[in-house]
Amino acid sequence: MAFNLNDFRNQFVNGGARPSQFEMQIIWPDAVRGAAGVAAAETSFRFLCSISEIPGQKITAIPVPYFGRKLKYAGDLSFSPLTVTVFNDEDFKIHKAIEIWMKAIQDHPTTRSVFDGGITASSYVTDGFVTQMSRNLGGSPTQAYAFRGMWPTDLSAIALNWTSSDTVEEFQIQFEYQWWDQVDPTTGTVTA
């Protein structure tokens, strides 16, 4: 096939999805939502979550030896943890809300949880959503993913440094989850 720039332009009609055009939302667990300041964190998270991911997936191969050869068969599906980066505001509301959530999962001095297990409304797991927006079409949502049964497993340290200026503090949160679903970006219903 001969090179033709117009053929490429005709295929790349909208100029490509942009990594900066996204929003992430967490539906906080009921036991955490009732804590002071968490409702404000739920709203702020959509604006202050500065880095997120569209999820990946991996099906491992199971090699089975037979007469000197290895045949490969599909193994288990696994999902990598979701890591997000958040701008820290001076009220620390998102950082505090994650601390409250993690402490409710396992209290520091007693190691007890305030949650019921499983996936009930009183569980420590919840759903999170990442939505890709269009740079065109008035910024409308184009693709969305729901992370099912997610909870925070790692809240990073916040680096403090007298020589750091003209920067905003950031911290990372790592979430584990059971699986993800591709969902309609406007209704939230599963599409694939």
Protein backbone atom coordinates (compact mmCIF):
# COMPACT_ATOMS: atom_id res chain seq x y z
CA MET A 1 0.00 0.00 0.00
CA ALA A 2 1.41 3.38 -1.00
CA PHE A 3 1.75 6.13 1.57
CA ASN A 4 -1.10 8.63 1.41
CA LEU A 5 -1.57 11.18 4.17
CA ASN A 6 -5.22 11.76 3.26
CA ASP A 7 -5.98 8.06 3.81
CA PHE A 8 -4.62 8.39 7.35
CA ARG A 9 -6.57 11.61 7.97
CA ASN A 10 -9.77 9.93 6.76
CA GLN A 11 -9.30 7.15 9.33
CA PHE A 12 -8.28 9.47 12.18
CA VAL A 13 -11.38 11.64 11.88
CA ASN A 14 -11.60 13.18 15.37
CA GLY A 15 -7.88 13.54 15.97
CA GLY A 16 -7.51 10.81 18.59
CA ALA A 17 -8.51 10.35 22.22
CA ARG A 18 -6.58 12.62 24.59
CA PRO A 19 -5.22 11.30 27.90
CA SER A 20 -6.02 14.57 29.68
CA GLN A 21 -9.74 14.34 28.89
CA PHE A 22 -11.10 12.10 31.66
CA GLU A 23 -12.95 12.06 34.95
CA MET A 24 -12.92 9.56 37.80
CA GLN A 25 -15.66 9.09 40.35
CA ILE A 26 -15.86 6.91 43.47
CA ILE A 27 -19.11 5.87 45.11
CA TRP A 28 -17.91 5.89 48.74
CA PRO A 29 -19.05 3.04 51.02
CA ASP A 30 -21.97 3.93 53.30
CA ALA A 31 -19.96 3.61 56.52
CA VAL A 32 -17.33 6.01 55.17
CA ARG A 33 -19.76 8.45 53.56
CA GLY A 34 -21.26 9.26 56.96
CA ALA A 35 -17.90 10.42 58.40
CA ALA A 36 -17.25 14.15 58.64
CA GLY A 37 -15.93 15.66 55.41
CA VAL A 38 -16.30 12.57 53.23
CA ALA A 39 -19.29 13.90 51.27
CA ALA A 40 -17.15 16.87 50.21
CA ALA A 41 -14.34 14.48 49.23
CA GLU A 42 -16.71 12.54 46.97
CA THR A 43 -17.44 15.72 44.99
CA SER A 44 -13.83 16.96 44.98
CA PHE A 45 -12.39 13.63 43.84
CA ARG A 46 -13.88 14.15 40.36
CA PHE A 47 -11.85 17.36 40.00
CA LEU A 48 -8.65 16.59 41.90
CA CYS A 49 -7.92 13.09 40.58
CA SER A 50 -5.24 14.10 38.07
CA ILE A 51 -4.00 10.72 36.85
CA SER A 52 -5.99 7.54 36.39
CA GLU A 53 -6.05 4.61 33.97
CA ILE A 54 -8.20 2.82 31.50
CA PRO A 55 -7.93 -0.71 32.83
CA GLY A 56 -5.88 -3.48 31.35
CA GLN A 57 -6.37 -7.20 31.63
CA LYS A 58 -4.25 -10.28 31.20
CA ILE A 59 -5.04 -13.91 30.48
CA THR A 60 -2.06 -15.99 31.47
CA ALA A 61 -0.94 -18.90 29.31
CA ILE A 62 -0.69 -22.36 30.83
CA PRO A 63 2.06 -24.37 29.11
CA VAL A 64 1.33 -28.09 28.93
CA PRO A 65 4.33 -30.25 27.91
CA TYR A 66 3.73 -33.08 25.44
CA PHE A 67 6.44 -35.06 23.62
CA GLY A 68 9.04 -32.34 23.88
CA ARG A 69 6.74 -29.48 22.95
CA LYS A 70 4.72 -27.12 25.06
CA LEU A 71 1.17 -26.42 24.03
CA LYS A 72 -0.33 -23.27 25.47
CA TYR A 73 -3.83 -23.02 26.85
CA ALA A 74 -5.74 -20.07 28.21
CA GLY A 75 -5.38 -19.68 31.96
CA ASP A 76 -6.97 -17.28 34.39
CA LEU A 77 -7.95 -13.69 33.74
CA SER A 78 -6.33 -11.19 36.09
CA PHE A 79 -6.61 -7.45 36.60
CA SER A 80 -3.79 -5.15 37.66
CA PRO A 81 -4.40 -2.76 40.56
CA LEU A 82 -5.71 0.69 39.69
CA THR A 83 -3.35 3.50 40.71
CA VAL A 84 -4.57 7.09 40.72
CA THR A 85 -2.83 10.37 41.54
CA VAL A 86 -4.65 13.14 43.39
CA PHE A 87 -3.82 16.82 43.87
CA ASN A 88 -3.78 17.57 47.60
CA ASP A 89 -5.84 20.58 48.63
CA GLU A 90 -4.99 22.37 51.89
CA ASP A 91 -8.02 20.84 53.62
CA PHE A 92 -6.70 17.30 52.88
CA LYS A 93 -10.31 16.18 52.40
CA ILE A 94 -9.59 13.39 49.91
CA HIS A 95 -6.52 12.20 51.80
CA LYS A 96 -8.50 12.19 55.06
CA ALA A 97 -11.40 10.34 53.43
CA ILE A 98 -9.06 7.57 52.19
CA GLU A 99 -7.45 7.41 55.66
CA ILE A 100 -10.93 7.04 57.20
CA TRP A 101 -11.83 4.32 54.66
CA MET A 102 -8.62 2.35 55.26
CA LYS A 103 -8.87 2.71 59.06
CA ALA A 104 -12.48 1.49 58.89
CA ILE A 105 -11.30 -1.57 56.94
CA GLN A 106 -8.73 -2.32 59.64
CA ASP A 107 -8.50 -0.15 62.73
CA HIS A 108 -4.93 0.80 63.69
CA PRO A 109 -4.83 -0.28 67.36
CA THR A 110 -7.43 -3.08 67.30
CA THR A 111 -7.13 -4.45 63.71
CA ARG A 112 -10.93 -4.72 63.64
CA SER A 113 -13.15 -3.66 60.76
CA VAL A 114 -16.36 -1.65 61.04
CA PHE A 115 -17.63 -3.24 57.83
CA ASP A 116 -19.52 -6.40 57.09
CA GLY A 117 -17.77 -8.66 54.64
CA GLY A 118 -18.92 -9.44 51.12
CA ILE A 119 -20.55 -7.03 48.73
CA THR A 120 -23.49 -5.76 50.76
CA ALA A 121 -24.23 -2.04 51.17
CA SER A 122 -22.37 -2.20 54.50
CA SER A 123 -19.22 -3.65 52.90
CA TYR A 124 -15.83 -1.95 52.53
CA VAL A 125 -15.90 -2.39 48.75
CA THR A 126 -17.56 -0.04 46.32
CA ASP A 127 -17.60 0.88 42.64
CA GLY A 128 -15.47 3.46 40.88
CA PHE A 129 -15.86 4.87 37.38
CA VAL A 130 -13.40 6.25 34.85
CA THR A 131 -14.92 8.15 31.94
CA GLN A 132 -13.03 9.24 28.82
CA MET A 133 -14.29 12.53 27.41
CA SER A 134 -14.09 13.80 23.85
CA ARG A 135 -12.02 16.86 23.10
CA ASN A 136 -14.55 17.45 20.33
CA LEU A 137 -18.31 17.07 20.45
CA GLY A 138 -18.60 19.57 23.31
CA GLY A 139 -16.59 17.39 25.70
CA SER A 140 -19.19 14.63 25.80
CA PRO A 141 -18.30 11.25 27.36
CA THR A 142 -17.16 8.64 24.84
CA GLN A 143 -16.07 5.58 26.86
CA ALA A 144 -16.48 4.50 30.49
CA TYR A 145 -15.36 1.71 32.79
CA ALA A 146 -16.75 0.58 36.13
CA PHE A 147 -14.36 -0.95 38.65
CA ARG A 148 -16.44 -3.43 40.63
CA GLY A 149 -15.79 -4.16 44.28
CA MET A 150 -12.85 -1.80 44.71
CA TRP A 151 -11.12 -0.65 47.88
CA PRO A 152 -7.91 1.23 48.72
CA THR A 153 -4.86 -0.89 49.51
CA ASP A 154 -2.07 1.69 49.44
CA LEU A 155 -2.06 5.39 50.28
CA SER A 156 1.30 6.90 49.38
CA ALA A 157 3.33 9.26 51.50
CA ILE A 158 3.25 12.96 50.66
CA ALA A 159 6.77 14.30 50.16
CA LEU A 160 7.57 17.51 52.04
CA ASN A 161 10.61 19.55 51.01
CA TRP A 162 11.70 23.12 51.80
CA THR A 163 13.25 23.48 48.35
CA SER A 164 10.06 22.52 46.49
CA SER A 165 8.24 25.58 45.29
CA ASP A 166 5.75 26.30 42.55
CA THR A 167 4.30 22.82 42.91
CA VAL A 168 1.17 21.32 44.41
CA GLU A 169 1.36 18.28 46.66
CA GLU A 170 0.20 15.03 45.11
CA PHE A 171 -0.38 11.56 46.49
CA GLN A 172 -1.21 8.20 45.00
CA ILE A 173 -3.90 5.73 45.93
CA GLN A 174 -3.76 2.13 44.80
CA PHE A 175 -7.06 0.29 44.57
CA GLU A 176 -7.71 -3.41 44.21
CA TYR A 177 -10.97 -4.48 42.61
CA GLN A 178 -12.70 -7.69 41.55
CA TRP A 179 -13.19 -6.91 37.85
CA TRP A 180 -14.10 -4.07 35.53
CA ASP A 181 -17.03 -3.65 33.17
CA GLN A 182 -17.21 -1.51 30.08
CA VAL A 183 -20.27 0.69 30.67
CA ASP A 184 -22.28 3.23 28.74
CA PRO A 185 -20.77 6.62 29.67
CA THR A 186 -24.16 8.28 30.13
CA THR A 187 -26.32 5.55 31.71
CA GLY A 188 -23.73 3.36 33.46
CA THR A 189 -25.26 0.15 32.07
CA VAL A 190 -22.89 -2.64 31.06
CA THR A 191 -22.20 -2.59 27.31
CA ALA A 192 -19.75 -5.42 26.72
